Every structure is written in C-alpha cells, then in structure tokens.
Amino acid sequence: MSLIAPGLNHTFAIMSARLPVDLSKAYRLLNHGPTVLVSSAHAGAMNVMAAAWSMPLDFSPPKVALVIDRTTRTRELVEASGEFALNIPSRELAQATLKVGSESGREIDKFGAHGLATFAADKIAAPLLEGCLGWLECRVIAEPPIQDRYDLFLGEVVAAWADPRAFRDGHWSFEEGCPRSIHYIAGGNFFETGAAFEVDKK
C-alpha cells in the first residue's frame, strides 16, 4: 500500500516493520556514533544528506546535536521548517549514503536518483527513509549564535522508531544475521557496528 503526498512527486511507502521507541531510550539509537541520513522538507520541497557528525545530548526531553553546513540545501530546508529527521541506515544503504553525501539537492532529486523510498513521519513534515534501522523525528531548538558560528543545530526528539530486527526493548541487537548500523571513515570506506561484549562491573 502506498500514497502520494500532496505537492510532492514521490511515493511514500507504508512501513510495517517499525516499532515506537520510548523517548527516554531514544538516545541509544545514536550513542554509538552511526552515520545518519538527515531528511528535511519545506513548502513542497524535500532533501536528504548524509552526516557523520551527530550525537545525543540529553535524556528528558531527549535532544540531539547535528552539524549542517551552511552551503547545503538541507540547511535551507531545516532553517525554514524548524524540523529534521535522523534516519539510521544499514549496510544495504551504504552506496546511497555515500551518494547523497556527495551531491547537492539543488542539482538533483536525490530520492528519485537513488531510488530512496520514504514514508510519512508521525509528528514532523520531513519524510522518513524506508530500509533504515532507526528514525528520530526532531524539532529544532533555535540557537542562532551556535548555528551561525559553528553550523551546529540542536533538536528535541519528538518521536523515535526502530526496526525490531535491529533494536528492541531499548537495546541494539547483536545477534548473528541482524542488520547493523554503519560508520563512515573516509574515502568511501565504512565499517559496520561490531559484536557487543560486556565488561565485569566488579
């Protein structure tokens, strides 16, 4: 089942493999430092970019920090809408992640060019990307001085979701065969999140 969002020329797929994440645990989607795909939308336009510099900031209410360069189309849409989404891709989306991080949304429709399906968020207008492992819907906490000086944006997480194959009961799954998040190094090189191990607390 799918629907067309008014004013946009993209098909939004209705996802079934998605469960809500308690906002008190939303920080755990990001605290291991995965590469994210930042989606944004305003006035009928939307865009997606890759970002390696994002992090959780607080528990209640949950907050995140994200660097968005002032020259990007995403920056324009985020500043205009006051919203963005952080989508956490797996290895299957690594090539698309590299592409959307290397291209300008002013020049091409990244969604159409790379076959990226989206579906509607619950609380914001920015689309969420199909095939990701986690999604955080965020509203910008306006801090003009740090936005202008450091390109640093703060956001309050207003909804969070996860693919239950990869994240459930507030924790990432490291079982064999489970999809895992990716981390960008440089020069087209990524690595997947590795196996978990526990340290004796005594």
N, C-alpha and C. Protein backbone atom coordinates (compact mmCIF):
# COMPACT_ATOMS: atom_id res chain seq x y z
N MET A 1 0.85 -1.20 0.00
CA MET A 1 0.00 0.00 0.00
C MET A 1 0.88 1.24 0.00
N SER A 2 0.51 2.23 -0.79
CA SER A 2 1.29 3.48 -0.82
C SER A 2 0.36 4.64 -1.08
N LEU A 3 0.89 5.82 -0.83
CA LEU A 3 0.11 7.03 -1.10
C LEU A 3 1.05 8.10 -1.61
N ILE A 4 0.49 9.06 -2.32
CA ILE A 4 1.27 10.18 -2.81
C ILE A 4 1.02 11.37 -1.90
N ALA A 5 2.10 11.94 -1.37
CA ALA A 5 1.97 13.10 -0.51
C ALA A 5 1.61 14.31 -1.35
N PRO A 6 0.63 15.12 -0.92
CA PRO A 6 0.24 16.29 -1.71
C PRO A 6 1.41 17.21 -1.98
N GLY A 7 1.55 17.62 -3.25
CA GLY A 7 2.58 18.59 -3.60
C GLY A 7 3.94 17.99 -3.85
N LEU A 8 4.09 16.66 -3.64
CA LEU A 8 5.39 16.04 -3.85
C LEU A 8 5.26 14.94 -4.89
N ASN A 9 6.31 14.76 -5.68
CA ASN A 9 6.27 13.74 -6.72
C ASN A 9 6.98 12.48 -6.27
N HIS A 10 6.70 12.04 -5.05
CA HIS A 10 7.36 10.87 -4.52
C HIS A 10 6.32 9.94 -3.91
N THR A 11 6.55 8.65 -4.04
CA THR A 11 5.68 7.67 -3.41
C THR A 11 6.15 7.42 -1.99
N PHE A 12 5.24 7.49 -1.05
CA PHE A 12 5.56 7.25 0.34
C PHE A 12 5.07 5.86 0.71
N ALA A 13 5.99 4.96 1.03
CA ALA A 13 5.61 3.59 1.35
C ALA A 13 5.17 3.48 2.80
N ILE A 14 4.11 2.73 3.07
CA ILE A 14 3.66 2.49 4.43
C ILE A 14 4.45 1.32 5.00
N MET A 15 5.18 1.56 6.08
CA MET A 15 6.04 0.53 6.64
C MET A 15 5.31 -0.28 7.69
N SER A 16 5.64 -1.56 7.77
CA SER A 16 5.06 -2.42 8.79
C SER A 16 6.08 -2.78 9.86
N ALA A 17 7.37 -2.95 9.47
CA ALA A 17 8.41 -3.36 10.42
C ALA A 17 8.99 -2.14 11.13
N ARG A 18 8.17 -1.54 11.99
CA ARG A 18 8.63 -0.35 12.69
C ARG A 18 7.90 -0.28 14.01
N LEU A 19 8.65 -0.14 15.09
CA LEU A 19 8.05 -0.06 16.41
C LEU A 19 8.48 1.23 17.10
N PRO A 20 7.60 1.84 17.90
CA PRO A 20 8.00 3.06 18.60
C PRO A 20 9.07 2.77 19.65
N VAL A 21 9.95 3.74 19.83
CA VAL A 21 10.99 3.67 20.86
C VAL A 21 10.63 4.67 21.94
N ASP A 22 10.62 4.22 23.18
CA ASP A 22 10.35 5.12 24.31
C ASP A 22 11.34 6.28 24.25
N LEU A 23 10.85 7.50 24.38
CA LEU A 23 11.73 8.66 24.22
C LEU A 23 12.86 8.68 25.24
N SER A 24 12.65 8.06 26.39
CA SER A 24 13.73 8.02 27.38
C SER A 24 14.89 7.13 26.94
N LYS A 25 14.65 6.30 25.92
CA LYS A 25 15.70 5.41 25.39
C LYS A 25 16.14 5.84 23.99
N ALA A 26 15.60 6.94 23.48
CA ALA A 26 15.90 7.35 22.11
C ALA A 26 17.39 7.64 21.91
N TYR A 27 18.07 8.11 22.94
CA TYR A 27 19.49 8.43 22.82
C TYR A 27 20.31 7.20 22.42
N ARG A 28 19.82 6.01 22.78
CA ARG A 28 20.56 4.79 22.48
C ARG A 28 20.62 4.47 20.99
N LEU A 29 19.74 5.08 20.22
CA LEU A 29 19.81 4.90 18.78
C LEU A 29 21.05 5.56 18.19
N LEU A 30 21.59 6.57 18.89
CA LEU A 30 22.70 7.37 18.36
C LEU A 30 24.00 7.28 19.15
N ASN A 31 23.95 6.76 20.38
CA ASN A 31 25.13 6.95 21.23
C ASN A 31 26.34 6.11 20.84
N HIS A 32 26.22 5.26 19.82
CA HIS A 32 27.39 4.52 19.33
C HIS A 32 27.96 5.17 18.07
N GLY A 33 27.43 6.34 17.69
CA GLY A 33 28.03 7.13 16.64
C GLY A 33 27.81 6.69 15.20
N PRO A 34 26.60 6.21 14.85
CA PRO A 34 26.40 5.78 13.46
C PRO A 34 26.32 6.96 12.50
N THR A 35 26.65 6.71 11.24
CA THR A 35 26.35 7.66 10.19
C THR A 35 24.84 7.75 10.04
N VAL A 36 24.32 8.94 9.81
CA VAL A 36 22.88 9.12 9.67
C VAL A 36 22.55 9.79 8.34
N LEU A 37 21.33 9.61 7.93
CA LEU A 37 20.79 10.33 6.79
C LEU A 37 19.80 11.35 7.32
N VAL A 38 20.05 12.62 7.01
CA VAL A 38 19.23 13.71 7.51
C VAL A 38 18.20 14.06 6.44
N SER A 39 16.93 13.90 6.76
CA SER A 39 15.88 14.26 5.80
C SER A 39 15.18 15.52 6.28
N SER A 40 14.74 16.31 5.30
CA SER A 40 14.11 17.59 5.60
C SER A 40 13.09 17.91 4.53
N ALA A 41 12.16 18.81 4.86
CA ALA A 41 11.12 19.20 3.90
C ALA A 41 10.56 20.55 4.28
N HIS A 42 10.18 21.31 3.24
CA HIS A 42 9.50 22.60 3.46
C HIS A 42 8.87 23.06 2.16
N ALA A 43 7.63 23.50 2.27
CA ALA A 43 6.91 24.11 1.15
C ALA A 43 6.96 23.26 -0.13
N GLY A 44 6.75 21.96 0.02
CA GLY A 44 6.70 21.08 -1.13
C GLY A 44 8.03 20.55 -1.62
N ALA A 45 9.13 21.01 -1.02
CA ALA A 45 10.46 20.52 -1.40
C ALA A 45 11.00 19.64 -0.28
N MET A 46 11.81 18.65 -0.67
CA MET A 46 12.45 17.83 0.36
C MET A 46 13.83 17.40 -0.09
N ASN A 47 14.65 17.01 0.87
CA ASN A 47 16.03 16.66 0.57
C ASN A 47 16.54 15.65 1.60
N VAL A 48 17.66 15.04 1.26
CA VAL A 48 18.33 14.13 2.19
C VAL A 48 19.83 14.30 2.03
N MET A 49 20.55 14.26 3.13
CA MET A 49 22.01 14.33 3.12
C MET A 49 22.56 13.35 4.14
N ALA A 50 23.80 12.95 3.96
CA ALA A 50 24.47 12.09 4.93
C ALA A 50 25.21 12.95 5.94
N ALA A 51 25.28 12.47 7.17
CA ALA A 51 26.01 13.20 8.22
C ALA A 51 26.70 12.21 9.15
N ALA A 52 27.97 12.45 9.40
CA ALA A 52 28.72 11.63 10.34
C ALA A 52 28.80 12.31 11.71
N TRP A 53 28.49 13.61 11.77
CA TRP A 53 28.63 14.36 13.00
C TRP A 53 27.26 14.64 13.60
N SER A 54 26.75 13.66 14.35
CA SER A 54 25.52 13.82 15.11
C SER A 54 25.70 13.08 16.44
N MET A 55 24.96 13.49 17.44
CA MET A 55 25.12 12.86 18.75
C MET A 55 23.93 13.17 19.65
N PRO A 56 23.65 12.27 20.63
CA PRO A 56 22.63 12.58 21.62
C PRO A 56 23.17 13.56 22.65
N LEU A 57 22.27 14.37 23.20
CA LEU A 57 22.68 15.39 24.17
C LEU A 57 22.04 15.25 25.53
N ASP A 58 20.83 14.73 25.58
CA ASP A 58 20.09 14.75 26.84
C ASP A 58 19.08 13.62 26.84
N PHE A 59 18.55 13.31 28.04
CA PHE A 59 17.60 12.22 28.20
C PHE A 59 16.15 12.70 28.21
N SER A 60 15.87 13.73 28.99
CA SER A 60 14.47 14.13 29.18
C SER A 60 14.36 15.66 29.27
N PRO A 61 13.80 16.30 28.21
CA PRO A 61 13.42 15.66 26.96
C PRO A 61 14.66 15.30 26.15
N PRO A 62 14.56 14.26 25.33
CA PRO A 62 15.73 13.85 24.56
C PRO A 62 16.11 14.91 23.54
N LYS A 63 17.40 15.15 23.43
CA LYS A 63 17.91 16.16 22.49
C LYS A 63 19.08 15.58 21.71
N VAL A 64 19.30 16.13 20.52
CA VAL A 64 20.42 15.72 19.68
C VAL A 64 21.15 16.96 19.17
N ALA A 65 22.39 16.76 18.75
CA ALA A 65 23.17 17.81 18.09
C ALA A 65 23.57 17.30 16.72
N LEU A 66 23.59 18.22 15.76
CA LEU A 66 23.87 17.85 14.38
C LEU A 66 24.56 19.00 13.68
N VAL A 67 25.63 18.70 12.93
CA VAL A 67 26.31 19.72 12.14
C VAL A 67 25.72 19.72 10.73
N ILE A 68 25.26 20.90 10.27
CA ILE A 68 24.72 21.06 8.92
C ILE A 68 25.41 22.27 8.29
N ASP A 69 26.21 22.01 7.29
CA ASP A 69 26.97 23.08 6.64
C ASP A 69 26.03 24.14 6.05
N ARG A 70 26.42 25.37 6.15
CA ARG A 70 25.57 26.49 5.72
C ARG A 70 25.35 26.55 4.21
N THR A 71 26.16 25.83 3.44
CA THR A 71 26.02 25.88 1.98
C THR A 71 25.03 24.85 1.44
N THR A 72 24.47 24.00 2.31
CA THR A 72 23.67 22.88 1.81
C THR A 72 22.19 23.24 1.66
N ARG A 73 21.54 22.49 0.78
CA ARG A 73 20.09 22.59 0.61
C ARG A 73 19.38 22.16 1.89
N THR A 74 19.92 21.15 2.56
CA THR A 74 19.32 20.71 3.82
C THR A 74 19.27 21.84 4.83
N ARG A 75 20.34 22.62 4.90
CA ARG A 75 20.37 23.74 5.85
C ARG A 75 19.21 24.69 5.57
N GLU A 76 18.97 25.01 4.30
CA GLU A 76 17.87 25.90 3.95
C GLU A 76 16.53 25.34 4.41
N LEU A 77 16.30 24.05 4.15
CA LEU A 77 15.02 23.44 4.49
C LEU A 77 14.84 23.31 6.00
N VAL A 78 15.89 22.99 6.71
CA VAL A 78 15.80 22.86 8.17
C VAL A 78 15.54 24.22 8.81
N GLU A 79 16.24 25.24 8.35
CA GLU A 79 16.02 26.57 8.92
C GLU A 79 14.61 27.08 8.61
N ALA A 80 14.10 26.75 7.43
CA ALA A 80 12.76 27.22 7.05
C ALA A 80 11.66 26.47 7.79
N SER A 81 11.85 25.16 8.00
CA SER A 81 10.80 24.33 8.59
C SER A 81 10.92 24.19 10.09
N GLY A 82 12.14 24.30 10.62
CA GLY A 82 12.36 24.07 12.04
C GLY A 82 12.28 22.61 12.42
N GLU A 83 12.51 21.72 11.44
CA GLU A 83 12.40 20.28 11.69
C GLU A 83 13.43 19.51 10.88
N PHE A 84 13.74 18.31 11.33
CA PHE A 84 14.54 17.37 10.54
C PHE A 84 14.35 15.98 11.13
N ALA A 85 14.72 14.98 10.34
CA ALA A 85 14.69 13.60 10.82
C ALA A 85 16.07 12.99 10.67
N LEU A 86 16.45 12.17 11.63
CA LEU A 86 17.69 11.40 11.54
C LEU A 86 17.30 9.94 11.26
N ASN A 87 17.77 9.44 10.13
CA ASN A 87 17.50 8.07 9.69
C ASN A 87 18.80 7.28 9.80
N ILE A 88 18.76 6.11 10.40
CA ILE A 88 19.97 5.33 10.65
C ILE A 88 20.04 4.18 9.65
N PRO A 89 20.91 4.29 8.63
CA PRO A 89 20.97 3.26 7.58
C PRO A 89 21.80 2.05 7.99
N SER A 90 21.57 0.95 7.27
CA SER A 90 22.38 -0.24 7.40
C SER A 90 23.30 -0.35 6.18
N ARG A 91 24.04 -1.44 6.12
CA ARG A 91 24.99 -1.65 5.02
C ARG A 91 24.29 -1.62 3.65
N GLU A 92 23.05 -2.08 3.61
CA GLU A 92 22.32 -2.12 2.34
C GLU A 92 22.15 -0.73 1.73
N LEU A 93 22.22 0.31 2.55
CA LEU A 93 22.07 1.67 2.05
C LEU A 93 23.40 2.43 2.00
N ALA A 94 24.51 1.71 2.13
CA ALA A 94 25.83 2.37 2.19
C ALA A 94 26.13 3.13 0.90
N GLN A 95 25.84 2.54 -0.25
CA GLN A 95 26.14 3.23 -1.50
C GLN A 95 25.30 4.48 -1.65
N ALA A 96 24.01 4.37 -1.33
CA ALA A 96 23.14 5.55 -1.39
C ALA A 96 23.58 6.60 -0.39
N THR A 97 24.04 6.17 0.77
CA THR A 97 24.53 7.10 1.79
C THR A 97 25.72 7.89 1.26
N LEU A 98 26.63 7.20 0.61
CA LEU A 98 27.79 7.88 0.05
C LEU A 98 27.37 8.86 -1.04
N LYS A 99 26.43 8.45 -1.88
CA LYS A 99 25.98 9.31 -2.98
C LYS A 99 25.30 10.57 -2.46
N VAL A 100 24.34 10.43 -1.55
CA VAL A 100 23.61 11.62 -1.11
C VAL A 100 24.47 12.53 -0.25
N GLY A 101 25.59 11.99 0.24
CA GLY A 101 26.54 12.82 0.97
C GLY A 101 27.51 13.54 0.06
N SER A 102 27.47 13.22 -1.24
CA SER A 102 28.42 13.80 -2.19
C SER A 102 27.76 14.68 -3.23
N GLU A 103 26.43 14.77 -3.20
CA GLU A 103 25.69 15.51 -4.22
C GLU A 103 24.89 16.65 -3.59
N SER A 104 24.50 17.59 -4.42
CA SER A 104 23.71 18.73 -3.94
C SER A 104 22.25 18.53 -4.29
N GLY A 105 21.39 18.76 -3.30
CA GLY A 105 19.95 18.69 -3.52
C GLY A 105 19.43 19.82 -4.39
N ARG A 106 20.27 20.81 -4.64
CA ARG A 106 19.86 21.88 -5.56
C ARG A 106 19.97 21.45 -7.02
N GLU A 107 20.77 20.42 -7.26
CA GLU A 107 21.04 20.00 -8.63
C GLU A 107 20.25 18.77 -9.05
N ILE A 108 19.95 17.88 -8.11
CA ILE A 108 19.22 16.66 -8.46
C ILE A 108 18.21 16.33 -7.37
N ASP A 109 17.22 15.52 -7.74
CA ASP A 109 16.30 14.92 -6.78
C ASP A 109 16.98 13.65 -6.27
N LYS A 110 17.54 13.72 -5.09
CA LYS A 110 18.31 12.58 -4.58
C LYS A 110 17.44 11.35 -4.36
N PHE A 111 16.19 11.56 -3.95
CA PHE A 111 15.31 10.42 -3.71
C PHE A 111 15.07 9.66 -5.01
N GLY A 112 14.71 10.38 -6.06
CA GLY A 112 14.45 9.73 -7.34
C GLY A 112 15.71 9.16 -7.95
N ALA A 113 16.82 9.88 -7.85
CA ALA A 113 18.07 9.45 -8.48
C ALA A 113 18.58 8.14 -7.90
N HIS A 114 18.32 7.90 -6.62
CA HIS A 114 18.87 6.73 -5.95
C HIS A 114 17.80 5.75 -5.47
N GLY A 115 16.58 5.95 -5.95
CA GLY A 115 15.52 5.01 -5.62
C GLY A 115 15.21 4.92 -4.15
N LEU A 116 15.28 6.03 -3.44
CA LEU A 116 15.04 6.04 -2.00
C LEU A 116 13.55 6.22 -1.71
N ALA A 117 12.92 5.19 -1.22
CA ALA A 117 11.51 5.26 -0.85
C ALA A 117 11.38 5.90 0.53
N THR A 118 10.30 6.62 0.74
CA THR A 118 10.07 7.29 2.02
C THR A 118 8.66 7.00 2.51
N PHE A 119 8.44 7.30 3.78
CA PHE A 119 7.11 7.21 4.35
C PHE A 119 6.92 8.36 5.32
N ALA A 120 5.68 8.65 5.63
CA ALA A 120 5.37 9.83 6.43
C ALA A 120 5.80 9.67 7.88
N ALA A 121 6.39 10.73 8.44
CA ALA A 121 6.69 10.78 9.86
C ALA A 121 5.39 10.98 10.64
N ASP A 122 5.49 10.81 11.94
CA ASP A 122 4.30 10.93 12.79
C ASP A 122 4.06 12.36 13.25
N LYS A 123 5.15 13.11 13.55
CA LYS A 123 4.98 14.42 14.18
C LYS A 123 5.62 15.57 13.41
N ILE A 124 6.36 15.27 12.35
CA ILE A 124 7.01 16.33 11.57
C ILE A 124 6.72 16.10 10.08
N ALA A 125 7.02 17.12 9.28
CA ALA A 125 6.76 17.02 7.84
C ALA A 125 7.89 16.33 7.08
N ALA A 126 9.09 16.32 7.63
CA ALA A 126 10.21 15.68 6.94
C ALA A 126 9.92 14.19 6.76
N PRO A 127 10.24 13.63 5.59
CA PRO A 127 9.97 12.21 5.36
C PRO A 127 10.97 11.32 6.08
N LEU A 128 10.57 10.09 6.34
CA LEU A 128 11.47 9.07 6.88
C LEU A 128 11.83 8.10 5.76
N LEU A 129 13.04 7.56 5.81
CA LEU A 129 13.54 6.72 4.73
C LEU A 129 13.29 5.24 5.00
N GLU A 130 12.69 4.61 4.01
CA GLU A 130 12.47 3.16 4.05
C GLU A 130 13.82 2.44 4.09
N GLY A 131 13.86 1.31 4.80
CA GLY A 131 15.05 0.48 4.81
C GLY A 131 16.07 0.83 5.86
N CYS A 132 15.78 1.83 6.69
CA CYS A 132 16.70 2.19 7.77
C CYS A 132 16.40 1.35 9.02
N LEU A 133 17.28 1.46 10.00
CA LEU A 133 17.15 0.69 11.23
C LEU A 133 16.51 1.49 12.35
N GLY A 134 16.61 2.80 12.27
CA GLY A 134 16.03 3.66 13.30
C GLY A 134 15.72 5.02 12.71
N TRP A 135 14.79 5.71 13.37
CA TRP A 135 14.34 7.02 12.89
C TRP A 135 14.08 7.91 14.10
N LEU A 136 14.59 9.14 14.08
CA LEU A 136 14.31 10.11 15.12
C LEU A 136 13.71 11.36 14.48
N GLU A 137 12.52 11.70 14.88
CA GLU A 137 11.85 12.91 14.40
C GLU A 137 12.21 14.05 15.35
N CYS A 138 12.74 15.13 14.80
CA CYS A 138 13.30 16.20 15.63
C CYS A 138 12.75 17.57 15.25
N ARG A 139 12.56 18.41 16.27
CA ARG A 139 12.25 19.82 16.07
C ARG A 139 13.42 20.65 16.54
N VAL A 140 13.78 21.63 15.74
CA VAL A 140 14.95 22.46 16.04
C VAL A 140 14.72 23.27 17.30
N ILE A 141 15.71 23.27 18.17
CA ILE A 141 15.77 24.17 19.32
C ILE A 141 16.60 25.37 18.85
N ALA A 142 15.95 26.47 18.62
CA ALA A 142 16.63 27.61 17.99
C ALA A 142 17.74 28.16 18.87
N GLU A 143 18.95 28.14 18.34
CA GLU A 143 20.13 28.72 18.98
C GLU A 143 20.94 29.43 17.90
N PRO A 144 20.44 30.58 17.41
CA PRO A 144 21.09 31.25 16.27
C PRO A 144 22.59 31.47 16.41
N PRO A 145 23.12 31.85 17.58
CA PRO A 145 24.57 32.08 17.65
C PRO A 145 25.41 30.85 17.31
N ILE A 146 25.03 29.67 17.83
CA ILE A 146 25.85 28.48 17.53
C ILE A 146 25.54 27.95 16.13
N GLN A 147 24.33 28.16 15.65
CA GLN A 147 24.02 27.76 14.28
C GLN A 147 24.86 28.58 13.30
N ASP A 148 24.93 29.88 13.53
CA ASP A 148 25.67 30.76 12.62
C ASP A 148 27.17 30.59 12.74
N ARG A 149 27.66 30.42 13.96
CA ARG A 149 29.11 30.37 14.17
C ARG A 149 29.69 28.99 13.91
N TYR A 150 28.99 27.95 14.34
CA TYR A 150 29.56 26.60 14.28
C TYR A 150 28.80 25.63 13.36
N ASP A 151 27.73 26.08 12.72
CA ASP A 151 26.89 25.21 11.90
C ASP A 151 26.28 24.08 12.73
N LEU A 152 26.10 24.31 14.00
CA LEU A 152 25.63 23.28 14.93
C LEU A 152 24.16 23.51 15.26
N PHE A 153 23.36 22.48 15.03
CA PHE A 153 21.93 22.55 15.30
C PHE A 153 21.58 21.61 16.44
N LEU A 154 20.71 22.10 17.32
CA LEU A 154 20.17 21.28 18.40
C LEU A 154 18.72 20.94 18.07
N GLY A 155 18.32 19.73 18.40
CA GLY A 155 16.95 19.33 18.14
C GLY A 155 16.38 18.54 19.29
N GLU A 156 15.09 18.72 19.53
CA GLU A 156 14.40 17.88 20.50
C GLU A 156 13.76 16.72 19.77
N VAL A 157 14.00 15.51 20.25
CA VAL A 157 13.41 14.32 19.64
C VAL A 157 11.95 14.23 20.10
N VAL A 158 11.03 14.28 19.15
CA VAL A 158 9.61 14.26 19.50
C VAL A 158 8.97 12.91 19.19
N ALA A 159 9.65 12.06 18.44
CA ALA A 159 9.20 10.69 18.19
C ALA A 159 10.40 9.88 17.74
N ALA A 160 10.42 8.61 18.09
CA ALA A 160 11.52 7.73 17.70
C ALA A 160 10.97 6.35 17.38
N TRP A 161 11.60 5.71 16.40
CA TRP A 161 11.14 4.42 15.90
C TRP A 161 12.34 3.54 15.60
N ALA A 162 12.13 2.23 15.57
CA ALA A 162 13.21 1.31 15.24
C ALA A 162 12.67 0.07 14.55
N ASP A 163 13.51 -0.50 13.70
CA ASP A 163 13.25 -1.80 13.11
C ASP A 163 13.49 -2.83 14.20
N PRO A 164 12.48 -3.62 14.59
CA PRO A 164 12.64 -4.54 15.71
C PRO A 164 13.66 -5.64 15.46
N ARG A 165 14.07 -5.86 14.21
CA ARG A 165 15.13 -6.82 13.95
C ARG A 165 16.46 -6.34 14.52
N ALA A 166 16.61 -5.01 14.59
CA ALA A 166 17.90 -4.44 14.97
C ALA A 166 17.90 -3.78 16.34
N PHE A 167 16.75 -3.28 16.79
CA PHE A 167 16.68 -2.53 18.06
C PHE A 167 15.34 -2.84 18.71
N ARG A 168 15.38 -3.39 19.90
CA ARG A 168 14.14 -3.70 20.62
C ARG A 168 14.39 -3.66 22.12
N ASP A 169 13.33 -3.37 22.85
CA ASP A 169 13.41 -3.25 24.32
C ASP A 169 14.50 -2.28 24.75
N GLY A 170 14.69 -1.23 23.95
CA GLY A 170 15.65 -0.19 24.32
C GLY A 170 17.10 -0.52 24.07
N HIS A 171 17.37 -1.59 23.31
CA HIS A 171 18.76 -2.00 23.07
C HIS A 171 18.94 -2.46 21.63
N TRP A 172 20.16 -2.22 21.10
CA TRP A 172 20.52 -2.78 19.80
C TRP A 172 20.71 -4.28 19.94
N SER A 173 20.35 -5.01 18.89
CA SER A 173 20.54 -6.45 18.86
C SER A 173 21.83 -6.76 18.12
N PHE A 174 22.65 -7.65 18.69
CA PHE A 174 23.90 -8.03 18.05
C PHE A 174 23.92 -9.50 17.69
N GLU A 175 22.72 -10.08 17.56
CA GLU A 175 22.63 -11.48 17.20
C GLU A 175 23.10 -11.69 15.77
N GLU A 176 23.57 -12.88 15.47
CA GLU A 176 24.03 -13.22 14.14
C GLU A 176 22.91 -13.03 13.13
N GLY A 177 23.22 -12.34 12.03
CA GLY A 177 22.24 -12.14 10.98
C GLY A 177 21.39 -10.89 11.12
N CYS A 178 21.48 -10.19 12.25
CA CYS A 178 20.71 -8.96 12.43
C CYS A 178 21.38 -7.81 11.66
N PRO A 179 20.60 -6.95 11.01
CA PRO A 179 21.21 -5.81 10.32
C PRO A 179 21.85 -4.85 11.32
N ARG A 180 22.92 -4.21 10.91
CA ARG A 180 23.67 -3.33 11.82
C ARG A 180 23.89 -1.97 11.18
N SER A 181 24.08 -0.98 12.03
CA SER A 181 24.33 0.38 11.56
C SER A 181 25.73 0.48 10.95
N ILE A 182 25.97 1.56 10.22
CA ILE A 182 27.27 1.76 9.56
C ILE A 182 27.92 3.05 10.05
N HIS A 183 29.24 3.12 9.87
CA HIS A 183 30.03 4.25 10.34
C HIS A 183 31.00 4.64 9.23
N TYR A 184 30.96 5.91 8.86
CA TYR A 184 31.80 6.37 7.75
C TYR A 184 33.17 6.78 8.27
N ILE A 185 34.21 6.36 7.54
CA ILE A 185 35.58 6.74 7.92
C ILE A 185 36.06 7.85 6.99
N ALA A 186 36.36 7.51 5.74
CA ALA A 186 36.79 8.49 4.73
C ALA A 186 37.02 7.75 3.42
N GLY A 187 37.02 8.50 2.31
CA GLY A 187 37.36 7.91 1.03
C GLY A 187 36.46 6.78 0.59
N GLY A 188 35.18 6.82 0.95
CA GLY A 188 34.26 5.77 0.57
C GLY A 188 34.31 4.54 1.44
N ASN A 189 35.02 4.61 2.57
CA ASN A 189 35.15 3.46 3.47
C ASN A 189 34.21 3.57 4.66
N PHE A 190 33.51 2.47 4.92
CA PHE A 190 32.62 2.35 6.07
C PHE A 190 33.03 1.12 6.88
N PHE A 191 32.52 1.03 8.09
CA PHE A 191 32.51 -0.25 8.79
C PHE A 191 31.16 -0.42 9.47
N GLU A 192 30.77 -1.67 9.69
CA GLU A 192 29.54 -1.97 10.40
C GLU A 192 29.81 -2.00 11.89
N THR A 193 28.77 -1.71 12.68
CA THR A 193 28.89 -1.89 14.12
C THR A 193 29.26 -3.34 14.41
N GLY A 194 30.24 -3.54 15.28
CA GLY A 194 30.72 -4.89 15.57
C GLY A 194 29.95 -5.59 16.67
N ALA A 195 30.46 -6.71 17.08
CA ALA A 195 29.82 -7.51 18.12
C ALA A 195 29.95 -6.83 19.48
N ALA A 196 28.94 -6.98 20.30
CA ALA A 196 28.96 -6.42 21.65
C ALA A 196 29.73 -7.35 22.60
N PHE A 197 30.32 -6.74 23.62
CA PHE A 197 30.89 -7.54 24.70
C PHE A 197 30.66 -6.79 26.01
N GLU A 198 30.62 -7.52 27.08
CA GLU A 198 30.31 -6.93 28.39
C GLU A 198 31.54 -6.99 29.28
N VAL A 199 31.75 -5.93 30.05
CA VAL A 199 32.87 -5.84 30.97
C VAL A 199 32.36 -6.08 32.39
N ASP A 200 33.09 -6.87 33.14
CA ASP A 200 32.73 -7.16 34.54
C ASP A 200 32.73 -5.86 35.33
N LYS A 201 31.63 -5.58 36.01
CA LYS A 201 31.47 -4.31 36.74
C LYS A 201 32.06 -4.36 38.14
N LYS A 202 32.63 -5.48 38.55
CA LYS A 202 33.19 -5.59 39.91
C LYS A 202 34.47 -4.77 40.02
